[in-house]
């Protein structure tokens, strides 16, 4: 992410509706952001020893663009932010 901050999140539901979100990612390693994530996601405890674990970081995502398509009309719609 340091060399190329553009990331994508994509999903398709059971009816084949589709969404693709392009985002700019930035690693945010402030103690405050890490503690907020740690306290609000118990799932993290199975991967990290605590919010001070050196392997744990938080990532800030800024949406750049999105593509969506509903299962009914099969027309791709693009949205720029």
PDB file of N, CA and C in Angstrom:
ATOM      1  N   UNK A   1       0.821  -1.191   0.000  1.00  0.00           N
ATOM      2  CA  UNK A   1       0.000   0.000   0.000  1.00  0.00           C
ATOM      3  C   UNK A   1       0.867   1.258   0.000  1.00  0.00           C
ATOM      4  N   UNK A   2       2.089   1.154   0.499  1.00  0.00           N
ATOM      5  CA  UNK A   2       2.964   2.321   0.487  1.00  0.00           C
ATOM      6  C   UNK A   2       3.366   2.669  -0.947  1.00  0.00           C
ATOM      7  N   UNK A   3       3.608   1.655  -1.774  1.00  0.00           N
ATOM      8  CA  UNK A   3       4.012   1.887  -3.159  1.00  0.00           C
ATOM      9  C   UNK A   3       2.823   2.150  -4.077  1.00  0.00           C
ATOM     10  N   UNK A   4       1.711   1.494  -3.826  1.00  0.00           N
ATOM     11  CA  UNK A   4       0.506   1.683  -4.627  1.00  0.00           C
ATOM     12  C   UNK A   4      -0.693   1.690  -3.690  1.00  0.00           C
ATOM     13  N   UNK A   5      -1.183   2.877  -3.327  1.00  0.00           N
ATOM     14  CA  UNK A   5      -2.252   2.959  -2.331  1.00  0.00           C
ATOM     15  C   UNK A   5      -3.651   2.606  -2.840  1.00  0.00           C
ATOM     16  N   UNK A   6      -3.821   2.330  -4.139  1.00  0.00           N
ATOM     17  CA  UNK A   6      -5.158   1.996  -4.637  1.00  0.00           C
ATOM     18  C   UNK A   6      -5.484   0.538  -4.335  1.00  0.00           C
ATOM     19  N   UNK A   7      -6.597   0.329  -3.660  1.00  0.00           N
ATOM     20  CA  UNK A   7      -7.069  -1.014  -3.329  1.00  0.00           C
ATOM     21  C   UNK A   7      -8.520  -1.148  -3.787  1.00  0.00           C
ATOM     22  N   UNK A   8      -8.999  -2.370  -3.882  1.00  0.00           N
ATOM     23  CA  UNK A   8     -10.392  -2.613  -4.281  1.00  0.00           C
ATOM     24  C   UNK A   8     -11.049  -3.598  -3.343  1.00  0.00           C
ATOM     25  N   UNK A   9     -12.322  -3.378  -3.150  1.00  0.00           N
ATOM     26  CA  UNK A   9     -13.176  -4.317  -2.427  1.00  0.00           C
ATOM     27  C   UNK A   9     -14.299  -4.681  -3.393  1.00  0.00           C
ATOM     28  N   UNK A  10     -14.496  -5.960  -3.608  1.00  0.00           N
ATOM     29  CA  UNK A  10     -15.520  -6.414  -4.559  1.00  0.00           C
ATOM     30  C   UNK A  10     -16.396  -7.474  -3.898  1.00  0.00           C
ATOM     31  N   UNK A  11     -17.665  -7.508  -4.311  1.00  0.00           N
ATOM     32  CA  UNK A  11     -18.524  -8.594  -3.866  1.00  0.00           C
ATOM     33  C   UNK A  11     -19.670  -8.803  -4.850  1.00  0.00           C
ATOM     34  N   UNK A  12     -20.162 -10.013  -4.834  1.00  0.00           N
ATOM     35  CA  UNK A  12     -21.317 -10.409  -5.639  1.00  0.00           C
ATOM     36  C   UNK A  12     -22.263 -11.138  -4.699  1.00  0.00           C
ATOM     37  N   UNK A  13     -23.562 -10.793  -4.749  1.00  0.00           N
ATOM     38  CA  UNK A  13     -24.497 -11.485  -3.873  1.00  0.00           C
ATOM     39  C   UNK A  13     -25.100 -12.698  -4.584  1.00  0.00           C
ATOM     40  N   UNK A  14     -26.000 -13.384  -3.924  1.00  0.00           N
ATOM     41  CA  UNK A  14     -26.587 -14.621  -4.463  1.00  0.00           C
ATOM     42  C   UNK A  14     -27.373 -14.405  -5.746  1.00  0.00           C
ATOM     43  N   UNK A  15     -27.908 -13.193  -5.917  1.00  0.00           N
ATOM     44  CA  UNK A  15     -28.687 -12.896  -7.119  1.00  0.00           C
ATOM     45  C   UNK A  15     -27.818 -12.296  -8.225  1.00  0.00           C
ATOM     46  N   UNK A  16     -26.486 -12.289  -8.005  1.00  0.00           N
ATOM     47  CA  UNK A  16     -25.502 -11.790  -8.962  1.00  0.00           C
ATOM     48  C   UNK A  16     -25.457 -10.270  -9.063  1.00  0.00           C
ATOM     49  N   UNK A  17     -25.979  -9.567  -8.066  1.00  0.00           N
ATOM     50  CA  UNK A  17     -25.750  -8.128  -7.992  1.00  0.00           C
ATOM     51  C   UNK A  17     -24.271  -7.948  -7.659  1.00  0.00           C
ATOM     52  N   UNK A  18     -23.677  -6.907  -8.184  1.00  0.00           N
ATOM     53  CA  UNK A  18     -22.230  -6.766  -8.149  1.00  0.00           C
ATOM     54  C   UNK A  18     -21.856  -5.376  -7.642  1.00  0.00           C
ATOM     55  N   UNK A  19     -20.784  -5.281  -6.881  1.00  0.00           N
ATOM     56  CA  UNK A  19     -20.272  -3.997  -6.413  1.00  0.00           C
ATOM     57  C   UNK A  19     -18.746  -4.066  -6.367  1.00  0.00           C
ATOM     58  N   UNK A  20     -18.113  -3.041  -6.896  1.00  0.00           N
ATOM     59  CA  UNK A  20     -16.655  -2.933  -6.883  1.00  0.00           C
ATOM     60  C   UNK A  20     -16.316  -1.516  -6.434  1.00  0.00           C
ATOM     61  N   UNK A  21     -15.587  -1.406  -5.332  1.00  0.00           N
ATOM     62  CA  UNK A  21     -15.245  -0.105  -4.768  1.00  0.00           C
ATOM     63  C   UNK A  21     -13.731   0.073  -4.828  1.00  0.00           C
ATOM     64  N   UNK A  22     -13.291   1.151  -5.455  1.00  0.00           N
ATOM     65  CA  UNK A  22     -11.877   1.484  -5.525  1.00  0.00           C
ATOM     66  C   UNK A  22     -11.593   2.531  -4.455  1.00  0.00           C
ATOM     67  N   UNK A  23     -10.531   2.308  -3.701  1.00  0.00           N
ATOM     68  CA  UNK A  23     -10.224   3.201  -2.592  1.00  0.00           C
ATOM     69  C   UNK A  23      -8.731   3.508  -2.532  1.00  0.00           C
ATOM     70  N   UNK A  24      -8.410   4.627  -1.907  1.00  0.00           N
ATOM     71  CA  UNK A  24      -7.025   4.960  -1.577  1.00  0.00           C
ATOM     72  C   UNK A  24      -6.812   4.537  -0.141  1.00  0.00           C
ATOM     73  N   UNK A  25      -5.783   3.738   0.081  1.00  0.00           N
ATOM     74  CA  UNK A  25      -5.506   3.233   1.425  1.00  0.00           C
ATOM     75  C   UNK A  25      -4.319   3.970   2.029  1.00  0.00           C
ATOM     76  N   UNK A  26      -4.431   4.204   3.323  1.00  0.00           N
ATOM     77  CA  UNK A  26      -3.348   4.842   4.057  1.00  0.00           C
ATOM     78  C   UNK A  26      -3.203   4.126   5.396  1.00  0.00           C
ATOM     79  N   UNK A  27      -2.003   3.661   5.690  1.00  0.00           N
ATOM     80  CA  UNK A  27      -1.761   3.015   6.976  1.00  0.00           C
ATOM     81  C   UNK A  27      -1.754   4.088   8.057  1.00  0.00           C
ATOM     82  N   UNK A  28      -2.590   3.885   9.071  1.00  0.00           N
ATOM     83  CA  UNK A  28      -2.711   4.837  10.177  1.00  0.00           C
ATOM     84  C   UNK A  28      -2.356   4.081  11.455  1.00  0.00           C
ATOM     85  N   UNK A  29      -1.172   4.296  11.946  1.00  0.00           N
ATOM     86  CA  UNK A  29      -0.715   3.535  13.107  1.00  0.00           C
ATOM     87  C   UNK A  29      -0.715   4.344  14.387  1.00  0.00           C
ATOM     88  N   UNK A  30      -1.706   5.184  14.545  1.00  0.00           N
ATOM     89  CA  UNK A  30      -1.782   5.939  15.798  1.00  0.00           C
ATOM     90  C   UNK A  30      -2.333   5.031  16.891  1.00  0.00           C
ATOM     91  N   UNK A  31      -1.849   5.189  18.102  1.00  0.00           N
ATOM     92  CA  UNK A  31      -2.380   4.367  19.199  1.00  0.00           C
ATOM     93  C   UNK A  31      -3.899   4.495  19.338  1.00  0.00           C
ATOM     94  N   UNK A  32      -4.425   5.707  19.107  1.00  0.00           N
ATOM     95  CA  UNK A  32      -5.865   5.921  19.242  1.00  0.00           C
ATOM     96  C   UNK A  32      -6.644   5.095  18.228  1.00  0.00           C
ATOM     97  N   UNK A  33      -6.236   5.119  16.952  1.00  0.00           N
ATOM     98  CA  UNK A  33      -6.974   4.372  15.927  1.00  0.00           C
ATOM     99  C   UNK A  33      -6.878   2.870  16.156  1.00  0.00           C
ATOM    100  N   UNK A  34      -5.709   2.400  16.571  1.00  0.00           N
ATOM    101  CA  UNK A  34      -5.539   0.968  16.832  1.00  0.00           C
ATOM    102  C   UNK A  34      -6.382   0.520  18.022  1.00  0.00           C
ATOM    103  N   UNK A  35      -6.457   1.350  19.045  1.00  0.00           N
ATOM    104  CA  UNK A  35      -7.231   0.996  20.235  1.00  0.00           C
ATOM    105  C   UNK A  35      -8.726   0.959  19.919  1.00  0.00           C
ATOM    106  N   UNK A  36      -9.201   1.904  19.113  1.00  0.00           N
ATOM    107  CA  UNK A  36     -10.615   1.915  18.715  1.00  0.00           C
ATOM    108  C   UNK A  36     -10.964   0.632  17.967  1.00  0.00           C
ATOM    109  N   UNK A  37     -10.130   0.256  17.009  1.00  0.00           N
ATOM    110  CA  UNK A  37     -10.382  -0.982  16.263  1.00  0.00           C
ATOM    111  C   UNK A  37     -10.352  -2.193  17.183  1.00  0.00           C
ATOM    112  N   UNK A  38      -9.361  -2.250  18.052  1.00  0.00           N
ATOM    113  CA  UNK A  38      -9.209  -3.381  18.958  1.00  0.00           C
ATOM    114  C   UNK A  38     -10.425  -3.532  19.872  1.00  0.00           C
ATOM    115  N   UNK A  39     -10.907  -2.431  20.394  1.00  0.00           N
ATOM    116  CA  UNK A  39     -12.032  -2.476  21.332  1.00  0.00           C
ATOM    117  C   UNK A  39     -13.369  -2.767  20.652  1.00  0.00           C
ATOM    118  N   UNK A  40     -13.450  -2.613  19.343  1.00  0.00           N
ATOM    119  CA  UNK A  40     -14.714  -2.806  18.632  1.00  0.00           C
ATOM    120  C   UNK A  40     -14.747  -4.038  17.738  1.00  0.00           C
ATOM    121  N   UNK A  41     -13.701  -4.841  17.780  1.00  0.00           N
ATOM    122  CA  UNK A  41     -13.692  -6.054  16.956  1.00  0.00           C
ATOM    123  C   UNK A  41     -13.011  -7.196  17.708  1.00  0.00           C
ATOM    124  N   UNK A  42     -13.805  -7.999  18.368  1.00  0.00           N
ATOM    125  CA  UNK A  42     -13.253  -9.112  19.143  1.00  0.00           C
ATOM    126  C   UNK A  42     -12.573 -10.152  18.249  1.00  0.00           C
ATOM    127  N   UNK A  43     -12.914 -10.167  16.966  1.00  0.00           N
ATOM    128  CA  UNK A  43     -12.298 -11.108  16.027  1.00  0.00           C
ATOM    129  C   UNK A  43     -10.778 -10.921  15.954  1.00  0.00           C
ATOM    130  N   UNK A  44     -10.297  -9.709  16.182  1.00  0.00           N
ATOM    131  CA  UNK A  44      -8.867  -9.430  16.087  1.00  0.00           C
ATOM    132  C   UNK A  44      -8.047 -10.204  17.115  1.00  0.00           C
ATOM    133  N   UNK A  45      -8.667 -10.593  18.209  1.00  0.00           N
ATOM    134  CA  UNK A  45      -7.962 -11.280  19.286  1.00  0.00           C
ATOM    135  C   UNK A  45      -7.422 -12.649  18.878  1.00  0.00           C
ATOM    136  N   UNK A  46      -7.989 -13.229  17.835  1.00  0.00           N
ATOM    137  CA  UNK A  46      -7.478 -14.528  17.386  1.00  0.00           C
ATOM    138  C   UNK A  46      -6.226 -14.378  16.512  1.00  0.00           C
ATOM    139  N   UNK A  47      -5.903 -13.154  16.096  1.00  0.00           N
ATOM    140  CA  UNK A  47      -4.749 -12.921  15.230  1.00  0.00           C
ATOM    141  C   UNK A  47      -3.631 -12.126  15.887  1.00  0.00           C
ATOM    142  N   UNK A  48      -3.954 -11.293  16.860  1.00  0.00           N
ATOM    143  CA  UNK A  48      -2.974 -10.394  17.461  1.00  0.00           C
ATOM    144  C   UNK A  48      -3.026 -10.481  18.986  1.00  0.00           C
ATOM    145  N   UNK A  49      -1.907 -10.152  19.626  1.00  0.00           N
ATOM    146  CA  UNK A  49      -1.848 -10.245  21.091  1.00  0.00           C
ATOM    147  C   UNK A  49      -2.434  -9.020  21.780  1.00  0.00           C
ATOM    148  N   UNK A  50      -2.623  -7.935  21.057  1.00  0.00           N
ATOM    149  CA  UNK A  50      -3.205  -6.722  21.624  1.00  0.00           C
ATOM    150  C   UNK A  50      -3.053  -5.572  20.648  1.00  0.00           C
ATOM    151  N   UNK A  51      -3.624  -4.425  20.998  1.00  0.00           N
ATOM    152  CA  UNK A  51      -3.561  -3.288  20.077  1.00  0.00           C
ATOM    153  C   UNK A  51      -2.148  -2.725  19.959  1.00  0.00           C
ATOM    154  N   UNK A  52      -1.242  -3.135  20.840  1.00  0.00           N
ATOM    155  CA  UNK A  52       0.151  -2.702  20.757  1.00  0.00           C
ATOM    156  C   UNK A  52       1.022  -3.688  19.991  1.00  0.00           C
ATOM    157  N   UNK A  53       0.452  -4.797  19.514  1.00  0.00           N
ATOM    158  CA  UNK A  53       1.176  -5.790  18.720  1.00  0.00           C
ATOM    159  C   UNK A  53       1.772  -5.104  17.479  1.00  0.00           C
ATOM    160  N   UNK A  54       3.056  -5.312  17.225  1.00  0.00           N
ATOM    161  CA  UNK A  54       3.729  -4.642  16.101  1.00  0.00           C
ATOM    162  C   UNK A  54       3.212  -5.109  14.741  1.00  0.00           C
ATOM    163  N   UNK A  55       2.537  -6.251  14.689  1.00  0.00           N
ATOM    164  CA  UNK A  55       1.980  -6.757  13.429  1.00  0.00           C
ATOM    165  C   UNK A  55       0.576  -6.211  13.150  1.00  0.00           C
ATOM    166  N   UNK A  56       0.020  -5.475  14.081  1.00  0.00           N
ATOM    167  CA  UNK A  56      -1.333  -4.943  13.955  1.00  0.00           C
ATOM    168  C   UNK A  56      -1.273  -3.475  13.551  1.00  0.00           C
ATOM    169  N   UNK A  57      -2.004  -3.118  12.511  1.00  0.00           N
ATOM    170  CA  UNK A  57      -2.077  -1.710  12.112  1.00  0.00           C
ATOM    171  C   UNK A  57      -3.502  -1.416  11.651  1.00  0.00           C
ATOM    172  N   UNK A  58      -3.815  -0.148  11.587  1.00  0.00           N
ATOM    173  CA  UNK A  58      -5.122   0.244  11.071  1.00  0.00           C
ATOM    174  C   UNK A  58      -4.922   0.923   9.725  1.00  0.00           C
ATOM    175  N   UNK A  59      -5.924   0.799   8.879  1.00  0.00           N
ATOM    176  CA  UNK A  59      -5.855   1.338   7.527  1.00  0.00           C
ATOM    177  C   UNK A  59      -7.050   2.258   7.311  1.00  0.00           C
ATOM    178  N   UNK A  60      -6.779   3.438   6.826  1.00  0.00           N
ATOM    179  CA  UNK A  60      -7.829   4.402   6.493  1.00  0.00           C
ATOM    180  C   UNK A  60      -8.107   4.272   5.001  1.00  0.00           C
ATOM    181  N   UNK A  61      -9.385   4.142   4.634  1.00  0.00           N
ATOM    182  CA  UNK A  61      -9.779   4.001   3.235  1.00  0.00           C
ATOM    183  C   UNK A  61     -10.588   5.214   2.795  1.00  0.00           C
ATOM    184  N   UNK A  62     -10.224   5.766   1.650  1.00  0.00           N
ATOM    185  CA  UNK A  62     -10.953   6.879   1.055  1.00  0.00           C
ATOM    186  C   UNK A  62     -11.517   6.408  -0.279  1.00  0.00           C
ATOM    187  N   UNK A  63     -12.829   6.391  -0.409  1.00  0.00           N
ATOM    188  CA  UNK A  63     -13.463   5.904  -1.638  1.00  0.00           C
ATOM    189  C   UNK A  63     -13.145   6.841  -2.796  1.00  0.00           C
ATOM    190  N   UNK A  64     -12.693   6.247  -3.900  1.00  0.00           N
ATOM    191  CA  UNK A  64     -12.358   6.991  -5.111  1.00  0.00           C
ATOM    192  C   UNK A  64     -13.446   6.799  -6.166  1.00  0.00           C
ATOM    193  N   UNK A  65     -13.885   5.547  -6.328  1.00  0.00           N
ATOM    194  CA  UNK A  65     -14.892   5.237  -7.347  1.00  0.00           C
ATOM    195  C   UNK A  65     -15.621   3.954  -6.958  1.00  0.00           C
ATOM    196  N   UNK A  66     -16.787   3.774  -7.570  1.00  0.00           N
ATOM    197  CA  UNK A  66     -17.557   2.551  -7.332  1.00  0.00           C
ATOM    198  C   UNK A  66     -18.260   2.151  -8.621  1.00  0.00           C
ATOM    199  N   UNK A  67     -18.394   0.863  -8.798  1.00  0.00           N
ATOM    200  CA  UNK A  67     -19.194   0.309  -9.894  1.00  0.00           C
ATOM    201  C   UNK A  67     -20.218  -0.616  -9.274  1.00  0.00           C
ATOM    202  N   UNK A  68     -21.457  -0.484  -9.694  1.00  0.00           N
ATOM    203  CA  UNK A  68     -22.510  -1.338  -9.172  1.00  0.00           C
ATOM    204  C   UNK A  68     -23.375  -1.840 -10.320  1.00  0.00           C
ATOM    205  N   UNK A  69     -23.916  -3.011 -10.139  1.00  0.00           N
ATOM    206  CA  UNK A  69     -24.833  -3.569 -11.124  1.00  0.00           C
ATOM    207  C   UNK A  69     -25.848  -4.421 -10.379  1.00  0.00           C
ATOM    208  N   UNK A  70     -27.122  -4.125 -10.578  1.00  0.00           N
ATOM    209  CA  UNK A  70     -28.152  -4.929  -9.926  1.00  0.00           C
ATOM    210  C   UNK A  70     -28.390  -6.200 -10.730  1.00  0.00           C
ATOM    211  N   UNK A  71     -28.926  -7.179 -10.087  1.00  0.00           N
ATOM    212  CA  UNK A  71     -29.192  -8.448 -10.751  1.00  0.00           C
ATOM    213  C   UNK A  71     -30.289  -8.312 -11.800  1.00  0.00           C
ATOM    214  N   UNK A  72     -31.197  -7.355 -11.618  1.00  0.00           N
ATOM    215  CA  UNK A  72     -32.345  -7.215 -12.516  1.00  0.00           C
ATOM    216  C   UNK A  72     -32.011  -6.547 -13.841  1.00  0.00           C
ATOM    217  N   UNK A  73     -31.339  -5.388 -13.808  1.00  0.00           N
ATOM    218  CA  UNK A  73     -31.161  -4.659 -15.081  1.00  0.00           C
ATOM    219  C   UNK A  73     -29.828  -4.929 -15.768  1.00  0.00           C
ATOM    220  N   UNK A  74     -28.857  -5.559 -15.100  1.00  0.00           N
ATOM    221  CA  UNK A  74     -27.581  -5.938 -15.715  1.00  0.00           C
ATOM    222  C   UNK A  74     -26.874  -4.783 -16.406  1.00  0.00           C
ATOM    223  N   UNK A  75     -27.075  -3.536 -15.925  1.00  0.00           N
ATOM    224  CA  UNK A  75     -26.382  -2.365 -16.461  1.00  0.00           C
ATOM    225  C   UNK A  75     -25.382  -1.887 -15.427  1.00  0.00           C
ATOM    226  N   UNK A  76     -24.128  -1.829 -15.823  1.00  0.00           N
ATOM    227  CA  UNK A  76     -23.084  -1.368 -14.933  1.00  0.00           C
ATOM    228  C   UNK A  76     -23.170   0.138 -14.757  1.00  0.00           C
ATOM    229  N   UNK A  77     -23.179   0.604 -13.526  1.00  0.00           N
ATOM    230  CA  UNK A  77     -23.208   2.032 -13.221  1.00  0.00           C
ATOM    231  C   UNK A  77     -21.905   2.397 -12.518  1.00  0.00           C
ATOM    232  N   UNK A  78     -21.250   3.455 -12.991  1.00  0.00           N
ATOM    233  CA  UNK A  78     -20.009   3.926 -12.381  1.00  0.00           C
ATOM    234  C   UNK A  78     -20.263   5.219 -11.633  1.00  0.00           C
ATOM    235  N   UNK A  79     -19.636   5.325 -10.466  1.00  0.00           N
ATOM    236  CA  UNK A  79     -19.779   6.515  -9.630  1.00  0.00           C
ATOM    237  C   UNK A  79     -18.361   6.992  -9.290  1.00  0.00           C
ATOM    238  N   UNK A  80     -18.066   8.256  -9.559  1.00  0.00           N
ATOM    239  CA  UNK A  80     -16.792   8.856  -9.182  1.00  0.00           C
ATOM    240  C   UNK A  80     -17.009   9.705  -7.945  1.00  0.00           C
ATOM    241  N   UNK A  81     -16.061   9.686  -7.036  1.00  0.00           N
ATOM    242  CA  UNK A  81     -16.145  10.470  -5.798  1.00  0.00           C
ATOM    243  C   UNK A  81     -15.113  11.566  -5.817  1.00  0.00           C
TER     244      UNK A  81
END
